[in-house]
N, C-alpha and C. Protein backbone atom coordinates (compact mmCIF):
# COMPACT_ATOMS: atom_id res chain seq x y z
N MET A 1 1.27 5.82 9.14
CA MET A 1 1.21 5.95 7.46
C MET A 1 3.08 5.84 7.64
N GLN A 2 3.66 4.59 7.08
CA GLN A 2 4.98 4.30 6.89
C GLN A 2 5.20 4.74 5.37
N ARG A 3 4.27 4.87 4.61
CA ARG A 3 5.23 5.07 3.07
C ARG A 3 3.90 5.07 2.13
N VAL A 4 4.47 5.81 0.70
CA VAL A 4 3.47 6.06 0.19
C VAL A 4 3.83 6.00 -1.33
N ASN A 5 3.07 5.20 -2.07
CA ASN A 5 3.99 5.32 -3.34
C ASN A 5 2.73 6.08 -4.49
N CYS A 6 3.40 7.29 -5.35
CA CYS A 6 2.71 7.96 -6.26
C CYS A 6 3.22 7.82 -7.54
N ALA A 7 2.45 8.18 -8.21
CA ALA A 7 2.51 8.30 -10.06
C ALA A 7 2.21 9.46 -10.25
N ILE A 8 2.85 10.04 -11.54
CA ILE A 8 2.84 11.30 -12.23
C ILE A 8 3.00 11.30 -13.64
N ASP A 9 2.04 11.47 -14.14
CA ASP A 9 2.04 11.81 -15.55
C ASP A 9 1.95 12.90 -16.23
N CYS A 10 3.09 13.71 -16.23
CA CYS A 10 2.88 15.50 -16.41
C CYS A 10 3.96 15.41 -17.63
N GLY A 11 3.59 14.90 -18.74
CA GLY A 11 3.97 15.04 -19.98
C GLY A 11 5.69 14.78 -19.90
N SER A 12 6.38 15.39 -20.53
CA SER A 12 8.31 15.12 -20.44
C SER A 12 8.80 15.86 -19.39
N ALA A 13 9.54 14.99 -18.85
CA ALA A 13 9.97 15.66 -17.31
C ALA A 13 11.18 16.24 -17.66
N VAL A 14 10.96 17.57 -17.47
CA VAL A 14 12.04 18.99 -17.26
C VAL A 14 12.99 18.79 -16.11
N ASN A 15 12.70 18.71 -15.29
CA ASN A 15 13.55 18.40 -13.86
C ASN A 15 12.77 17.21 -13.16
N PRO A 16 13.26 16.18 -13.54
CA PRO A 16 12.69 15.20 -12.59
C PRO A 16 12.60 15.30 -10.59
N ASP A 17 13.83 15.71 -10.48
CA ASP A 17 14.08 15.81 -8.97
C ASP A 17 13.01 16.58 -8.51
N ILE A 18 12.55 17.66 -9.32
CA ILE A 18 11.80 18.74 -8.75
C ILE A 18 10.29 18.07 -8.99
N ILE A 19 10.33 17.47 -10.20
CA ILE A 19 8.92 16.73 -9.89
C ILE A 19 8.89 15.90 -8.72
N ALA A 20 9.57 15.07 -8.49
CA ALA A 20 9.46 14.26 -7.33
C ALA A 20 9.37 14.91 -6.34
N GLN A 21 10.29 16.15 -5.89
CA GLN A 21 9.70 16.87 -4.88
C GLN A 21 8.56 17.50 -4.38
N GLN A 22 8.18 18.11 -5.34
CA GLN A 22 6.53 18.45 -5.50
C GLN A 22 5.86 17.58 -5.22
N MET A 23 5.90 16.09 -5.75
CA MET A 23 4.59 15.37 -5.26
C MET A 23 4.90 14.72 -3.76
N GLU A 24 6.27 14.65 -3.12
CA GLU A 24 6.33 14.58 -1.86
C GLU A 24 5.84 15.38 -1.08
N GLY A 25 6.02 16.76 -1.49
CA GLY A 25 5.49 17.88 -0.43
C GLY A 25 3.84 17.80 -0.68
N ALA A 26 3.27 17.32 -2.04
CA ALA A 26 2.22 17.31 -1.91
C ALA A 26 1.27 16.50 -1.13
N VAL A 27 1.86 15.10 -1.34
CA VAL A 27 1.75 14.01 -0.49
C VAL A 27 1.36 14.41 1.23
N VAL A 28 2.66 15.08 1.61
CA VAL A 28 2.68 15.93 3.46
C VAL A 28 1.29 16.65 3.24
N PHE A 29 1.67 17.57 2.49
CA PHE A 29 0.33 18.17 2.75
C PHE A 29 -1.21 17.94 2.77
N ALA A 30 -1.22 16.70 1.59
CA ALA A 30 -2.46 16.05 1.72
C ALA A 30 -2.71 15.38 2.98
N LEU A 31 -2.11 14.40 3.52
CA LEU A 31 -2.05 13.95 4.45
C LEU A 31 -2.26 14.72 5.82
N SER A 32 -1.72 15.88 5.80
CA SER A 32 -2.13 16.95 6.85
C SER A 32 -3.63 17.33 6.82
N ALA A 33 -3.96 17.91 5.80
CA ALA A 33 -5.04 18.08 5.64
C ALA A 33 -6.39 16.94 5.66
N ALA A 34 -6.15 15.70 4.96
CA ALA A 34 -6.89 14.22 5.70
C ALA A 34 -7.12 14.10 6.93
N LEU A 35 -5.84 14.27 7.64
CA LEU A 35 -5.82 13.29 9.05
C LEU A 35 -6.28 15.04 10.12
N HIS A 36 -5.73 16.31 9.90
CA HIS A 36 -6.21 17.25 10.68
C HIS A 36 -6.99 18.34 10.01
N GLY A 37 -7.15 18.17 8.73
CA GLY A 37 -7.79 19.75 8.26
C GLY A 37 -9.29 20.24 8.66
N GLN A 38 -9.60 20.00 9.84
CA GLN A 38 -10.72 20.71 10.37
C GLN A 38 -11.04 21.89 10.62
N LYS A 39 -11.45 22.49 10.25
CA LYS A 39 -11.94 24.20 10.10
C LYS A 39 -13.05 24.35 11.33
N ASP A 40 -12.72 24.80 12.48
CA ASP A 40 -13.28 25.44 13.54
C ASP A 40 -13.96 26.81 13.02
N ILE A 41 -15.30 27.25 13.40
CA ILE A 41 -15.91 28.51 12.88
C ILE A 41 -16.72 28.68 14.41
N HIS A 42 -16.29 29.64 15.26
CA HIS A 42 -16.81 30.38 16.55
C HIS A 42 -17.38 31.73 16.24
N GLN A 43 -18.68 32.10 16.39
CA GLN A 43 -19.22 33.20 16.22
C GLN A 43 -19.04 33.61 14.98
N GLY A 44 -18.49 32.95 13.72
CA GLY A 44 -18.61 33.49 12.58
C GLY A 44 -16.69 33.35 11.98
N VAL A 45 -16.11 33.39 12.69
CA VAL A 45 -14.77 33.33 12.74
C VAL A 45 -13.83 31.72 12.60
N VAL A 46 -13.42 31.81 11.55
CA VAL A 46 -12.28 30.71 11.66
C VAL A 46 -11.16 30.59 12.51
N GLN A 47 -11.39 29.59 13.27
CA GLN A 47 -10.34 29.56 14.44
C GLN A 47 -8.83 29.64 13.87
N GLN A 48 -8.70 28.29 12.98
CA GLN A 48 -7.55 28.07 12.37
C GLN A 48 -6.91 29.05 11.55
N LYS A 49 -6.42 30.00 11.64
CA LYS A 49 -5.84 31.62 11.31
C LYS A 49 -4.68 31.15 10.65
N ASN A 50 -3.80 30.46 11.01
CA ASN A 50 -2.43 30.21 10.29
C ASN A 50 -1.68 29.07 10.76
N PHE A 51 -0.63 28.84 10.38
CA PHE A 51 0.25 27.25 10.89
C PHE A 51 0.20 27.48 11.79
N THR A 52 0.36 28.00 13.11
CA THR A 52 0.26 28.29 14.23
C THR A 52 -0.47 27.35 15.36
N SER A 53 -1.73 27.42 14.31
CA SER A 53 -2.99 26.38 14.83
C SER A 53 -3.79 25.80 14.03
N TYR A 54 -2.61 25.07 13.14
CA TYR A 54 -3.44 24.06 11.95
C TYR A 54 -2.17 23.20 12.17
N ALA A 55 -2.75 22.24 12.19
CA ALA A 55 -1.93 21.01 12.74
C ALA A 55 -1.23 20.63 11.00
N LEU A 56 -0.09 20.47 11.19
CA LEU A 56 0.71 19.84 9.94
C LEU A 56 1.42 18.80 9.99
N ILE A 57 1.72 17.88 9.18
CA ILE A 57 2.58 16.37 9.56
C ILE A 57 3.86 16.96 9.55
N GLY A 58 4.62 16.38 10.41
CA GLY A 58 6.13 16.93 10.84
C GLY A 58 6.77 15.62 10.04
N LEU A 59 8.15 16.25 10.02
CA LEU A 59 8.97 15.16 9.20
C LEU A 59 8.99 14.13 10.10
N ALA A 60 8.62 14.16 11.27
CA ALA A 60 9.01 12.69 12.28
C ALA A 60 7.93 11.71 11.67
N GLN A 61 6.50 12.68 11.33
CA GLN A 61 5.13 11.75 10.88
C GLN A 61 5.10 11.27 9.58
N SER A 62 6.49 12.20 8.70
CA SER A 62 6.01 12.27 7.35
C SER A 62 6.35 10.37 6.66
N PRO A 63 5.33 9.94 6.09
CA PRO A 63 6.08 8.69 5.07
C PRO A 63 7.26 8.81 4.39
N GLN A 64 7.49 7.81 4.14
CA GLN A 64 8.43 7.67 2.80
C GLN A 64 7.64 7.51 1.30
N VAL A 65 7.85 8.78 0.82
CA VAL A 65 7.42 8.97 -0.76
C VAL A 65 8.16 8.44 -1.72
N ASP A 66 7.45 7.78 -2.55
CA ASP A 66 8.33 7.16 -4.17
C ASP A 66 7.52 7.50 -4.83
N ALA A 67 7.93 8.62 -5.58
CA ALA A 67 7.31 9.29 -6.78
C ALA A 67 7.96 8.72 -8.22
N TYR A 68 6.82 8.50 -8.80
CA TYR A 68 6.79 7.64 -10.42
C TYR A 68 6.59 8.57 -11.38
N ILE A 69 7.51 8.81 -12.10
CA ILE A 69 7.20 9.90 -13.10
C ILE A 69 6.72 8.96 -14.26
N VAL A 70 5.68 8.86 -15.00
CA VAL A 70 5.73 8.44 -16.05
C VAL A 70 6.24 8.52 -17.19
N PRO A 71 6.97 7.95 -18.08
CA PRO A 71 7.79 8.35 -19.10
C PRO A 71 6.61 8.87 -20.00
N SER A 72 7.15 10.22 -21.00
CA SER A 72 6.06 10.61 -22.09
C SER A 72 6.92 11.69 -22.95
N THR A 73 6.33 11.49 -23.67
CA THR A 73 7.02 12.53 -25.03
C THR A 73 5.99 13.51 -25.41
N ARG A 74 4.86 13.65 -24.45
CA ARG A 74 4.04 14.55 -24.74
C ARG A 74 4.81 16.18 -24.12
N HIS A 75 4.03 17.41 -24.31
CA HIS A 75 4.58 18.69 -24.03
C HIS A 75 4.68 18.55 -22.60
N PRO A 76 5.55 19.06 -21.70
CA PRO A 76 5.58 19.36 -20.41
C PRO A 76 4.03 19.83 -19.56
N GLY A 77 3.72 19.50 -18.47
CA GLY A 77 2.30 19.71 -18.20
C GLY A 77 2.80 20.36 -16.66
N GLY A 78 1.75 20.87 -16.08
CA GLY A 78 2.19 21.06 -14.64
C GLY A 78 1.97 20.21 -13.62
N VAL A 79 2.95 20.10 -12.50
CA VAL A 79 2.76 19.34 -11.31
C VAL A 79 2.50 20.18 -9.99
N ASN A 80 1.70 21.24 -10.08
CA ASN A 80 1.62 21.92 -8.91
C ASN A 80 0.84 21.20 -7.73
N GLU A 81 -0.04 20.56 -8.17
CA GLU A 81 -1.01 20.23 -6.89
C GLU A 81 -1.78 18.76 -7.56
N PRO A 82 -1.41 17.70 -8.49
CA PRO A 82 -1.58 16.87 -8.67
C PRO A 82 -1.71 15.75 -7.42
N GLY A 83 -0.61 15.62 -6.72
CA GLY A 83 -0.43 14.72 -5.78
C GLY A 83 -1.82 14.97 -4.59
N VAL A 84 -2.46 16.19 -4.55
CA VAL A 84 -2.91 16.40 -3.32
C VAL A 84 -4.20 15.66 -3.42
N PRO A 85 -5.28 15.57 -4.35
CA PRO A 85 -6.58 15.19 -4.39
C PRO A 85 -6.91 13.70 -4.25
N PRO A 86 -5.73 12.55 -4.62
CA PRO A 86 -6.00 11.50 -4.66
C PRO A 86 -5.55 10.70 -3.34
N LEU A 87 -5.27 11.65 -2.53
CA LEU A 87 -4.52 11.07 -1.19
C LEU A 87 -5.01 10.71 -0.34
N ALA A 88 -6.62 11.37 0.19
CA ALA A 88 -7.21 11.38 1.15
C ALA A 88 -8.64 10.28 0.98
N PRO A 89 -8.89 9.80 -0.52
CA PRO A 89 -9.77 8.67 -0.54
C PRO A 89 -8.84 7.31 -0.33
N ALA A 90 -7.25 7.62 -1.13
CA ALA A 90 -6.36 6.34 -0.93
C ALA A 90 -6.26 5.93 0.38
N VAL A 91 -6.29 6.99 1.40
CA VAL A 91 -5.79 6.27 2.47
C VAL A 91 -7.20 6.32 3.54
N ALA A 92 -8.50 6.79 3.08
CA ALA A 92 -9.88 6.08 3.59
C ALA A 92 -9.77 4.54 3.29
N ASN A 93 -9.66 4.28 1.69
CA ASN A 93 -9.87 2.88 1.34
C ASN A 93 -8.59 1.88 2.05
N ALA A 94 -7.58 2.12 2.50
CA ALA A 94 -6.40 1.60 3.05
C ALA A 94 -7.21 1.34 4.30
N LEU A 95 -7.65 2.48 5.37
CA LEU A 95 -8.53 1.79 6.34
C LEU A 95 -9.39 0.92 6.36
N PHE A 96 -10.33 1.63 5.30
CA PHE A 96 -11.53 0.31 5.31
C PHE A 96 -10.66 -1.09 4.86
N ALA A 97 -9.92 -1.32 4.07
CA ALA A 97 -9.09 -2.44 4.17
C ALA A 97 -8.55 -2.95 5.20
N LEU A 98 -7.98 -2.15 6.17
CA LEU A 98 -7.59 -2.63 7.41
C LEU A 98 -8.64 -2.67 8.67
N SER A 99 -9.85 -2.37 8.60
CA SER A 99 -10.84 -2.05 9.86
C SER A 99 -12.17 -2.68 9.48
N GLY A 100 -12.24 -2.21 7.96
CA GLY A 100 -13.82 -2.69 7.67
C GLY A 100 -14.41 -1.88 7.79
N LYS A 101 -14.32 -0.26 8.40
CA LYS A 101 -15.04 0.77 8.76
C LYS A 101 -14.76 2.15 7.68
N ARG A 102 -15.86 2.45 6.85
CA ARG A 102 -15.63 3.19 6.11
C ARG A 102 -15.64 4.79 6.93
N PHE A 103 -14.66 5.60 5.97
CA PHE A 103 -14.52 7.09 6.15
C PHE A 103 -14.82 7.72 5.35
N ARG A 104 -16.33 8.71 5.70
CA ARG A 104 -16.84 9.03 4.67
C ARG A 104 -16.72 10.95 4.30
N SER A 105 -16.12 11.13 5.73
CA SER A 105 -15.95 12.81 5.81
C SER A 105 -14.39 12.58 6.16
N LEU A 106 -14.17 14.20 6.09
CA LEU A 106 -12.66 14.71 6.05
C LEU A 106 -12.93 15.86 7.46
N PRO A 107 -11.66 15.70 8.30
CA PRO A 107 -10.75 14.92 8.45
C PRO A 107 -11.21 13.44 8.75
N LEU A 108 -10.04 12.63 8.51
CA LEU A 108 -10.55 11.30 8.95
C LEU A 108 -10.65 10.73 10.11
N GLN A 109 -11.42 11.70 11.03
CA GLN A 109 -11.70 11.44 12.63
C GLN A 109 -11.25 9.92 13.22
N GLY A 110 -10.82 9.41 14.10
CA GLY A 110 -10.93 8.50 14.50
C GLY A 110 -10.39 7.25 13.62
N ALA A 111 -9.02 8.02 12.39
CA ALA A 111 -8.78 6.96 11.64
C ALA A 111 -7.19 6.38 11.97
N GLU A 112 -7.30 6.34 13.44
CA GLU A 112 -5.86 5.45 13.96
C GLU A 112 -6.01 4.04 13.47
N ALA A 113 -5.02 3.98 12.56
CA ALA A 113 -4.67 2.57 11.52
C ALA A 113 -4.27 1.35 12.87
N PRO A 114 -4.46 0.43 12.61
CA PRO A 114 -4.02 -0.44 13.29
C PRO A 114 -2.70 -0.62 13.23
N ALA A 115 -1.85 -0.73 14.36
CA ALA A 115 -0.06 -0.85 14.06
C ALA A 115 0.10 -2.05 12.93
N ALA A 116 1.02 -1.22 12.38
CA ALA A 116 1.57 -2.03 11.51
C ALA A 116 2.32 -3.21 12.04
N ALA A 117 2.19 -4.16 10.80
CA ALA A 117 3.28 -5.46 11.15
C ALA A 117 4.62 -5.06 11.24
N PRO A 118 5.83 -5.33 11.43
CA PRO A 118 6.94 -5.36 11.27
C PRO A 118 7.14 -5.79 9.79
N ALA A 119 8.37 -4.95 9.18
CA ALA A 119 8.69 -5.49 7.67
C ALA A 119 9.67 -6.27 7.99
């Protein structure tokens, strides 16, 4: 994945740079969860106990994130995690558009997309 476009309607943007950074982090976290978020349980114990055993997307694998903040005059709202829930379904739909194969569970196992055409 090379690029993610996202939009957020959080009311009046008090600090647009922080909002954009929060969305960028949410996209990287959500992409990590969508692609690598499997939890293995052995004898009742979760094996991925910390970041040393839980795969996260690194800087080299991170897509360019373009965050659009919807102009608003409403009171400011939260920007904690609204970038996380929509990412996995969006990636699954994009993979379906590319491959014709539906991915209906997470992590998106075997979801290697075809090589992207040069831009």
